[in-house]
Amino acid sequence: MKPYLFAAISAGFLATSAASAADGPAILESKCASCHALTQPENSALDHVWERKGPDLYYAGDKFNKPWLVEWLQDPIRIRPAGEFYFKHVKKGDKVDVVDESTLTEHPKLAKADAEAAADALMALTGPEELIEKGKFEDKKASPMAKMLFTKLRGCYACHSTGDGKGGLSGPELHTGGERLQPDFIYSYIKDPQKIDKSVWMPKLNISEQDLQNLTSYIVQLSGKKEAK
């Protein structure tokens, strides 16, 4: 093959690869759509939750922080220790039920350029305007009571862990909550989980505004590096 022809073909290949890497929506369709809802599902009944393999992403832009998305998509670490629907991924242990790792699948890794493009596409996905109560979180430091609310008084520890080896496994870990999630999403989800995910089993706590602010502040401070005090 003549050198100039080889160079032209190589340049075309690289241009095609770059365009592909930059095509975030195409990456979502090819890599994400088989497990995640990229548009709001018509069926929001319990069987949708039972059958889905990953959380809905049609409101990802209202939920995630983009820097976390870019990093996580390149090196995904399981957020839900017992999978999306934990009943399917537990088995009897010696004393208590344990996660059956053999039933869980690994999340695919993306190259950096693809991760950035996919993150851009995900951040462009937003739910209905009323889905998230924006601006309600006061962004104050959590009170000394906040950790106790989470670990003892409001039952959060029963399903969620904070990276200290304690807490439940049936819900997503929250020791990276502050890096992963937008404060307004945390606030809105704690206040009314079913408004965002109609058939999710997380209970609506009907807590005071003060407790809601404190719980949100506590989770916002969790960064995956050290536990909030």
C-alpha atoms as a PDB file:
ATOM      1  CA  MET A   1       0.000   0.000   0.000  1.00  0.00           C
ATOM      2  CA  LYS A   2       1.324   3.438  -0.907  1.00  0.00           C
ATOM      3  CA  PRO A   3       2.354   5.572   2.097  1.00  0.00           C
ATOM      4  CA  TYR A   4      -0.006   8.437   1.283  1.00  0.00           C
ATOM      5  CA  LEU A   5      -2.946   6.040   0.889  1.00  0.00           C
ATOM      6  CA  PHE A   6      -2.149   4.361   4.211  1.00  0.00           C
ATOM      7  CA  ALA A   7      -1.929   7.762   5.881  1.00  0.00           C
ATOM      8  CA  ALA A   8      -5.275   8.803   4.456  1.00  0.00           C
ATOM      9  CA  ILE A   9      -6.949   5.599   5.644  1.00  0.00           C
ATOM     10  CA  SER A  10      -5.376   5.960   9.093  1.00  0.00           C
ATOM     11  CA  ALA A  11      -6.519   9.556   9.355  1.00  0.00           C
ATOM     12  CA  GLY A  12     -10.036   8.545   8.390  1.00  0.00           C
ATOM     13  CA  PHE A  13     -10.053   5.756  10.946  1.00  0.00           C
ATOM     14  CA  LEU A  14      -8.870   8.091  13.696  1.00  0.00           C
ATOM     15  CA  ALA A  15     -11.448  10.688  12.758  1.00  0.00           C
ATOM     16  CA  THR A  16     -14.192   8.046  12.838  1.00  0.00           C
ATOM     17  CA  SER A  17     -12.985   6.800  16.224  1.00  0.00           C
ATOM     18  CA  ALA A  18     -12.931  10.319  17.634  1.00  0.00           C
ATOM     19  CA  ALA A  19     -16.421  11.006  16.343  1.00  0.00           C
ATOM     20  CA  SER A  20     -17.637   7.750  17.851  1.00  0.00           C
ATOM     21  CA  ALA A  21     -16.048   8.568  21.202  1.00  0.00           C
ATOM     22  CA  ALA A  22     -17.732  11.972  21.160  1.00  0.00           C
ATOM     23  CA  ASP A  23     -21.183  10.535  20.399  1.00  0.00           C
ATOM     24  CA  GLY A  24     -22.547  10.339  23.933  1.00  0.00           C
ATOM     25  CA  PRO A  25     -26.163   9.421  23.064  1.00  0.00           C
ATOM     26  CA  ALA A  26     -24.929   6.553  20.873  1.00  0.00           C
ATOM     27  CA  ILE A  27     -22.780   5.289  23.737  1.00  0.00           C
ATOM     28  CA  LEU A  28     -25.800   5.363  26.059  1.00  0.00           C
ATOM     29  CA  GLU A  29     -27.855   3.372  23.563  1.00  0.00           C
ATOM     30  CA  SER A  30     -25.169   0.767  22.992  1.00  0.00           C
ATOM     31  CA  LYS A  31     -23.800   0.459  26.533  1.00  0.00           C
ATOM     32  CA  CYS A  32     -26.572   1.533  28.908  1.00  0.00           C
ATOM     33  CA  ALA A  33     -30.032   1.093  27.406  1.00  0.00           C
ATOM     34  CA  SER A  34     -30.204  -2.677  27.941  1.00  0.00           C
ATOM     35  CA  CYS A  35     -30.093  -2.211  31.734  1.00  0.00           C
ATOM     36  CA  HIS A  36     -31.292   1.359  32.327  1.00  0.00           C
ATOM     37  CA  ALA A  37     -34.357   3.351  31.277  1.00  0.00           C
ATOM     38  CA  LEU A  38     -33.138   6.400  29.353  1.00  0.00           C
ATOM     39  CA  THR A  39     -36.681   7.723  28.929  1.00  0.00           C
ATOM     40  CA  GLN A  40     -39.431   7.744  31.538  1.00  0.00           C
ATOM     41  CA  PRO A  41     -41.023   4.265  31.616  1.00  0.00           C
ATOM     42  CA  GLU A  42     -44.708   4.021  30.857  1.00  0.00           C
ATOM     43  CA  ASN A  43     -44.936   1.143  33.330  1.00  0.00           C
ATOM     44  CA  SER A  44     -44.026   2.301  36.829  1.00  0.00           C
ATOM     45  CA  ALA A  45     -45.593  -0.639  38.658  1.00  0.00           C
ATOM     46  CA  LEU A  46     -43.691  -3.047  40.880  1.00  0.00           C
ATOM     47  CA  ASP A  47     -42.975  -5.434  37.999  1.00  0.00           C
ATOM     48  CA  HIS A  48     -40.872  -2.688  36.359  1.00  0.00           C
ATOM     49  CA  VAL A  49     -38.700  -2.518  39.483  1.00  0.00           C
ATOM     50  CA  TRP A  50     -38.563  -6.315  39.638  1.00  0.00           C
ATOM     51  CA  GLU A  51     -37.385  -6.677  36.053  1.00  0.00           C
ATOM     52  CA  ARG A  52     -34.980  -3.757  35.691  1.00  0.00           C
ATOM     53  CA  LYS A  53     -31.271  -4.501  35.861  1.00  0.00           C
ATOM     54  CA  GLY A  54     -30.116  -1.018  36.838  1.00  0.00           C
ATOM     55  CA  PRO A  55     -31.637   2.239  38.087  1.00  0.00           C
ATOM     56  CA  ASP A  56     -33.586   4.482  35.733  1.00  0.00           C
ATOM     57  CA  LEU A  57     -31.406   7.140  34.137  1.00  0.00           C
ATOM     58  CA  TYR A  58     -33.969   9.379  32.472  1.00  0.00           C
ATOM     59  CA  TYR A  59     -33.394  11.976  35.218  1.00  0.00           C
ATOM     60  CA  ALA A  60     -29.618  11.437  35.513  1.00  0.00           C
ATOM     61  CA  GLY A  61     -28.906  15.130  34.958  1.00  0.00           C
ATOM     62  CA  ASP A  62     -30.977  15.946  38.047  1.00  0.00           C
ATOM     63  CA  LYS A  63     -29.282  13.250  40.112  1.00  0.00           C
ATOM     64  CA  PHE A  64     -25.553  12.902  39.529  1.00  0.00           C
ATOM     65  CA  ASN A  65     -22.513  15.128  39.760  1.00  0.00           C
ATOM     66  CA  LYS A  66     -20.687  15.070  36.431  1.00  0.00           C
ATOM     67  CA  PRO A  67     -17.089  14.768  37.772  1.00  0.00           C
ATOM     68  CA  TRP A  68     -18.089  11.652  39.688  1.00  0.00           C
ATOM     69  CA  LEU A  69     -19.778  10.185  36.599  1.00  0.00           C
ATOM     70  CA  VAL A  70     -16.676  10.641  34.450  1.00  0.00           C
ATOM     71  CA  GLU A  71     -14.466   8.878  36.993  1.00  0.00           C
ATOM     72  CA  TRP A  72     -16.927   6.118  37.849  1.00  0.00           C
ATOM     73  CA  LEU A  73     -17.673   5.190  34.241  1.00  0.00           C
ATOM     74  CA  GLN A  74     -13.976   4.548  33.710  1.00  0.00           C
ATOM     75  CA  ASP A  75     -13.620   2.421  36.834  1.00  0.00           C
ATOM     76  CA  PRO A  76     -17.060   1.406  38.129  1.00  0.00           C
ATOM     77  CA  ILE A  77     -17.344   0.146  41.697  1.00  0.00           C
ATOM     78  CA  ARG A  78     -20.621  -1.472  42.693  1.00  0.00           C
ATOM     79  CA  ILE A  79     -22.966   1.049  44.296  1.00  0.00           C
ATOM     80  CA  ARG A  80     -25.667  -1.452  45.236  1.00  0.00           C
ATOM     81  CA  PRO A  81     -23.883  -4.268  47.107  1.00  0.00           C
ATOM     82  CA  ALA A  82     -26.820  -6.626  46.601  1.00  0.00           C
ATOM     83  CA  GLY A  83     -27.754  -5.549  43.082  1.00  0.00           C
ATOM     84  CA  GLU A  84     -30.678  -3.521  41.816  1.00  0.00           C
ATOM     85  CA  PHE A  85     -33.302  -5.804  43.372  1.00  0.00           C
ATOM     86  CA  TYR A  86     -31.687  -7.451  46.357  1.00  0.00           C
ATOM     87  CA  PHE A  87     -34.160 -10.358  46.671  1.00  0.00           C
ATOM     88  CA  LYS A  88     -32.543 -11.834  43.577  1.00  0.00           C
ATOM     89  CA  HIS A  89     -28.990 -11.675  44.883  1.00  0.00           C
ATOM     90  CA  VAL A  90     -28.950 -12.998  48.439  1.00  0.00           C
ATOM     91  CA  LYS A  91     -28.451 -16.475  49.830  1.00  0.00           C
ATOM     92  CA  LYS A  92     -28.489 -18.042  53.265  1.00  0.00           C
ATOM     93  CA  GLY A  93     -25.321 -17.626  55.278  1.00  0.00           C
ATOM     94  CA  ASP A  94     -24.238 -19.275  58.513  1.00  0.00           C
ATOM     95  CA  LYS A  95     -26.056 -16.703  60.625  1.00  0.00           C
ATOM     96  CA  VAL A  96     -27.670 -14.198  58.270  1.00  0.00           C
ATOM     97  CA  ASP A  97     -28.377 -13.851  54.572  1.00  0.00           C
ATOM     98  CA  VAL A  98     -25.359 -12.792  52.507  1.00  0.00           C
ATOM     99  CA  VAL A  99     -24.888 -11.352  49.018  1.00  0.00           C
ATOM    100  CA  ASP A 100     -24.503 -14.036  46.343  1.00  0.00           C
ATOM    101  CA  GLU A 101     -21.707 -12.517  44.276  1.00  0.00           C
ATOM    102  CA  SER A 102     -22.096 -15.174  41.568  1.00  0.00           C
ATOM    103  CA  THR A 103     -25.439 -13.649  40.534  1.00  0.00           C
ATOM    104  CA  LEU A 104     -24.077 -10.135  40.018  1.00  0.00           C
ATOM    105  CA  THR A 105     -22.581  -8.838  36.792  1.00  0.00           C
ATOM    106  CA  GLU A 106     -19.790  -6.297  36.461  1.00  0.00           C
ATOM    107  CA  HIS A 107     -20.548  -2.888  35.006  1.00  0.00           C
ATOM    108  CA  PRO A 108     -18.658  -2.246  31.744  1.00  0.00           C
ATOM    109  CA  LYS A 109     -15.718   0.161  31.813  1.00  0.00           C
ATOM    110  CA  LEU A 110     -15.444   3.032  29.359  1.00  0.00           C
ATOM    111  CA  ALA A 111     -12.356   4.704  27.964  1.00  0.00           C
ATOM    112  CA  LYS A 112     -11.831   8.264  29.173  1.00  0.00           C
ATOM    113  CA  ALA A 113     -13.159   9.942  26.016  1.00  0.00           C
ATOM    114  CA  ASP A 114     -16.231   7.712  25.989  1.00  0.00           C
ATOM    115  CA  ALA A 115     -16.790   8.289  29.710  1.00  0.00           C
ATOM    116  CA  GLU A 116     -16.702  12.054  29.214  1.00  0.00           C
ATOM    117  CA  ALA A 117     -19.090  11.862  26.265  1.00  0.00           C
ATOM    118  CA  ALA A 118     -21.447   9.509  28.107  1.00  0.00           C
ATOM    119  CA  ALA A 119     -21.389  11.769  31.176  1.00  0.00           C
ATOM    120  CA  ASP A 120     -22.318  14.756  29.008  1.00  0.00           C
ATOM    121  CA  ALA A 121     -25.201  12.788  27.529  1.00  0.00           C
ATOM    122  CA  LEU A 122     -26.380  11.634  30.954  1.00  0.00           C
ATOM    123  CA  MET A 123     -26.293  15.160  32.360  1.00  0.00           C
ATOM    124  CA  ALA A 124     -28.553  16.223  29.488  1.00  0.00           C
ATOM    125  CA  LEU A 125     -31.246  13.783  30.687  1.00  0.00           C
ATOM    126  CA  THR A 126     -33.655  15.536  33.034  1.00  0.00           C
ATOM    127  CA  GLY A 127     -36.998  14.497  34.429  1.00  0.00           C
ATOM    128  CA  PRO A 128     -40.234  16.493  34.668  1.00  0.00           C
ATOM    129  CA  GLU A 129     -39.764  19.961  36.122  1.00  0.00           C
ATOM    130  CA  GLU A 130     -41.571  19.093  39.349  1.00  0.00           C
ATOM    131  CA  LEU A 131     -39.549  15.911  39.990  1.00  0.00           C
ATOM    132  CA  ILE A 132     -36.823  17.595  42.070  1.00  0.00           C
ATOM    133  CA  GLU A 133     -37.419  20.351  44.623  1.00  0.00           C
ATOM    134  CA  LYS A 134     -34.608  22.635  43.567  1.00  0.00           C
ATOM    135  CA  GLY A 135     -33.246  25.226  45.958  1.00  0.00           C
ATOM    136  CA  LYS A 136     -34.884  23.761  49.077  1.00  0.00           C
ATOM    137  CA  PHE A 137     -31.656  22.411  50.579  1.00  0.00           C
ATOM    138  CA  GLU A 138     -30.089  25.098  52.762  1.00  0.00           C
ATOM    139  CA  ASP A 139     -26.488  23.878  52.368  1.00  0.00           C
ATOM    140  CA  LYS A 140     -25.600  24.163  56.044  1.00  0.00           C
ATOM    141  CA  LYS A 141     -23.203  22.023  58.040  1.00  0.00           C
ATOM    142  CA  ALA A 142     -24.942  19.010  59.539  1.00  0.00           C
ATOM    143  CA  SER A 143     -25.772  19.287  63.219  1.00  0.00           C
ATOM    144  CA  PRO A 144     -24.218  16.883  65.751  1.00  0.00           C
ATOM    145  CA  MET A 145     -27.518  14.983  65.651  1.00  0.00           C
ATOM    146  CA  ALA A 146     -27.284  14.244  61.924  1.00  0.00           C
ATOM    147  CA  LYS A 147     -25.225  11.057  62.209  1.00  0.00           C
ATOM    148  CA  MET A 148     -27.535   9.721  64.910  1.00  0.00           C
ATOM    149  CA  LEU A 149     -30.530  10.425  62.681  1.00  0.00           C
ATOM    150  CA  PHE A 150     -28.929   8.363  59.949  1.00  0.00           C
ATOM    151  CA  THR A 151     -27.577   5.476  62.025  1.00  0.00           C
ATOM    152  CA  LYS A 152     -30.219   5.108  64.723  1.00  0.00           C
ATOM    153  CA  LEU A 153     -33.321   7.276  64.660  1.00  0.00           C
ATOM    154  CA  ARG A 154     -34.547   7.195  61.052  1.00  0.00           C
ATOM    155  CA  GLY A 155     -33.600   3.671  60.001  1.00  0.00           C
ATOM    156  CA  CYS A 156     -31.223   4.617  57.157  1.00  0.00           C
ATOM    157  CA  TYR A 157     -28.544   2.185  58.392  1.00  0.00           C
ATOM    158  CA  ALA A 158     -30.897  -0.740  57.869  1.00  0.00           C
ATOM    159  CA  CYS A 159     -30.428  -0.489  54.090  1.00  0.00           C
ATOM    160  CA  HIS A 160     -27.475   1.846  53.445  1.00  0.00           C
ATOM    161  CA  SER A 161     -23.810   1.753  54.442  1.00  0.00           C
ATOM    162  CA  THR A 162     -21.424   4.651  54.939  1.00  0.00           C
ATOM    163  CA  GLY A 163     -18.178   2.816  54.245  1.00  0.00           C
ATOM    164  CA  ASP A 164     -17.303   1.959  57.830  1.00  0.00           C
ATOM    165  CA  GLY A 165     -18.200  -1.712  57.559  1.00  0.00           C
ATOM    166  CA  LYS A 166     -21.612  -1.104  59.084  1.00  0.00           C
ATOM    167  CA  GLY A 167     -25.057  -0.566  57.672  1.00  0.00           C
ATOM    168  CA  GLY A 168     -27.298  -2.472  55.288  1.00  0.00           C
ATOM    169  CA  LEU A 169     -26.682  -3.903  51.839  1.00  0.00           C
ATOM    170  CA  SER A 170     -30.118  -3.795  50.216  1.00  0.00           C
ATOM    171  CA  GLY A 171     -29.870  -0.130  49.215  1.00  0.00           C
ATOM    172  CA  PRO A 172     -27.122   1.844  47.469  1.00  0.00           C
ATOM    173  CA  GLU A 173     -24.051   2.659  49.550  1.00  0.00           C
ATOM    174  CA  LEU A 174     -23.908   6.268  50.647  1.00  0.00           C
ATOM    175  CA  HIS A 175     -20.271   6.689  51.626  1.00  0.00           C
ATOM    176  CA  THR A 176     -19.774   8.324  48.212  1.00  0.00           C
ATOM    177  CA  GLY A 177     -23.147  10.084  48.391  1.00  0.00           C
ATOM    178  CA  GLY A 178     -21.709  13.588  48.526  1.00  0.00           C
ATOM    179  CA  GLU A 179     -19.480  13.002  45.507  1.00  0.00           C
ATOM    180  CA  ARG A 180     -22.102  11.113  43.529  1.00  0.00           C
ATOM    181  CA  LEU A 181     -25.385  12.893  44.139  1.00  0.00           C
ATOM    182  CA  GLN A 182     -26.641  16.449  43.814  1.00  0.00           C
ATOM    183  CA  PRO A 183     -27.857  17.917  47.127  1.00  0.00           C
ATOM    184  CA  ASP A 184     -31.301  18.814  45.743  1.00  0.00           C
ATOM    185  CA  PHE A 185     -31.749  15.222  44.584  1.00  0.00           C
ATOM    186  CA  ILE A 186     -30.782  13.867  48.022  1.00  0.00           C
ATOM    187  CA  TYR A 187     -33.218  16.252  49.712  1.00  0.00           C
ATOM    188  CA  SER A 188     -36.072  15.426  47.323  1.00  0.00           C
ATOM    189  CA  TYR A 189     -35.505  11.665  47.437  1.00  0.00           C
ATOM    190  CA  ILE A 190     -35.464  11.504  51.228  1.00  0.00           C
ATOM    191  CA  LYS A 191     -38.588  13.663  51.387  1.00  0.00           C
ATOM    192  CA  ASP A 192     -40.627  11.574  48.942  1.00  0.00           C
ATOM    193  CA  PRO A 193     -38.900   8.557  47.309  1.00  0.00           C
ATOM    194  CA  GLN A 194     -42.023   7.464  45.430  1.00  0.00           C
ATOM    195  CA  LYS A 195     -42.347  10.847  43.725  1.00  0.00           C
ATOM    196  CA  ILE A 196     -39.070  10.070  41.955  1.00  0.00           C
ATOM    197  CA  ASP A 197     -39.265   6.266  41.724  1.00  0.00           C
ATOM    198  CA  LYS A 198     -42.910   5.245  42.105  1.00  0.00           C
ATOM    199  CA  SER A 199     -42.449   1.600  43.100  1.00  0.00           C
ATOM    200  CA  VAL A 200     -39.239   1.844  45.099  1.00  0.00           C
ATOM    201  CA  TRP A 201     -39.426   0.182  48.528  1.00  0.00           C
ATOM    202  CA  MET A 202     -37.711   2.995  50.450  1.00  0.00           C
ATOM    203  CA  PRO A 203     -40.297   4.318  52.924  1.00  0.00           C
ATOM    204  CA  LYS A 204     -41.523   7.887  52.973  1.00  0.00           C
ATOM    205  CA  LEU A 205     -40.371   9.018  56.411  1.00  0.00           C
ATOM    206  CA  ASN A 206     -42.662  12.041  56.921  1.00  0.00           C
ATOM    207  CA  ILE A 207     -39.917  13.754  58.907  1.00  0.00           C
ATOM    208  CA  SER A 208     -39.595  17.369  60.004  1.00  0.00           C
ATOM    209  CA  GLU A 209     -37.909  19.919  57.765  1.00  0.00           C
ATOM    210  CA  GLN A 210     -35.075  20.176  60.294  1.00  0.00           C
ATOM    211  CA  ASP A 211     -34.416  16.426  60.172  1.00  0.00           C
ATOM    212  CA  LEU A 212     -34.670  16.480  56.377  1.00  0.00           C
ATOM    213  CA  GLN A 213     -32.056  19.227  56.178  1.00  0.00           C
ATOM    214  CA  ASN A 214     -29.786  17.411  58.640  1.00  0.00           C
ATOM    215  CA  LEU A 215     -29.976  14.064  56.839  1.00  0.00           C
ATOM    216  CA  THR A 216     -29.275  15.751  53.513  1.00  0.00           C
ATOM    217  CA  SER A 217     -26.310  17.631  55.001  1.00  0.00           C
ATOM    218  CA  TYR A 218     -24.917  14.439  56.495  1.00  0.00           C
ATOM    219  CA  ILE A 219     -25.034  12.576  53.170  1.00  0.00           C
ATOM    220  CA  VAL A 220     -23.648  15.572  51.256  1.00  0.00           C
ATOM    221  CA  GLN A 221     -20.583  15.489  53.524  1.00  0.00           C
ATOM    222  CA  LEU A 222     -19.884  11.826  52.766  1.00  0.00           C
ATOM    223  CA  SER A 223     -17.156  11.769  50.143  1.00  0.00           C
ATOM    224  CA  GLY A 224     -15.827   8.219  50.110  1.00  0.00           C
ATOM    225  CA  LYS A 225     -12.605   9.399  51.729  1.00  0.00           C
ATOM    226  CA  LYS A 226     -13.629   9.661  55.348  1.00  0.00           C
ATOM    227  CA  GLU A 227     -16.846   9.485  57.247  1.00  0.00           C
ATOM    228  CA  ALA A 228     -18.593  12.719  58.097  1.00  0.00           C
ATOM    229  CA  LYS A 229     -18.370  13.663  61.756  1.00  0.00           C
END
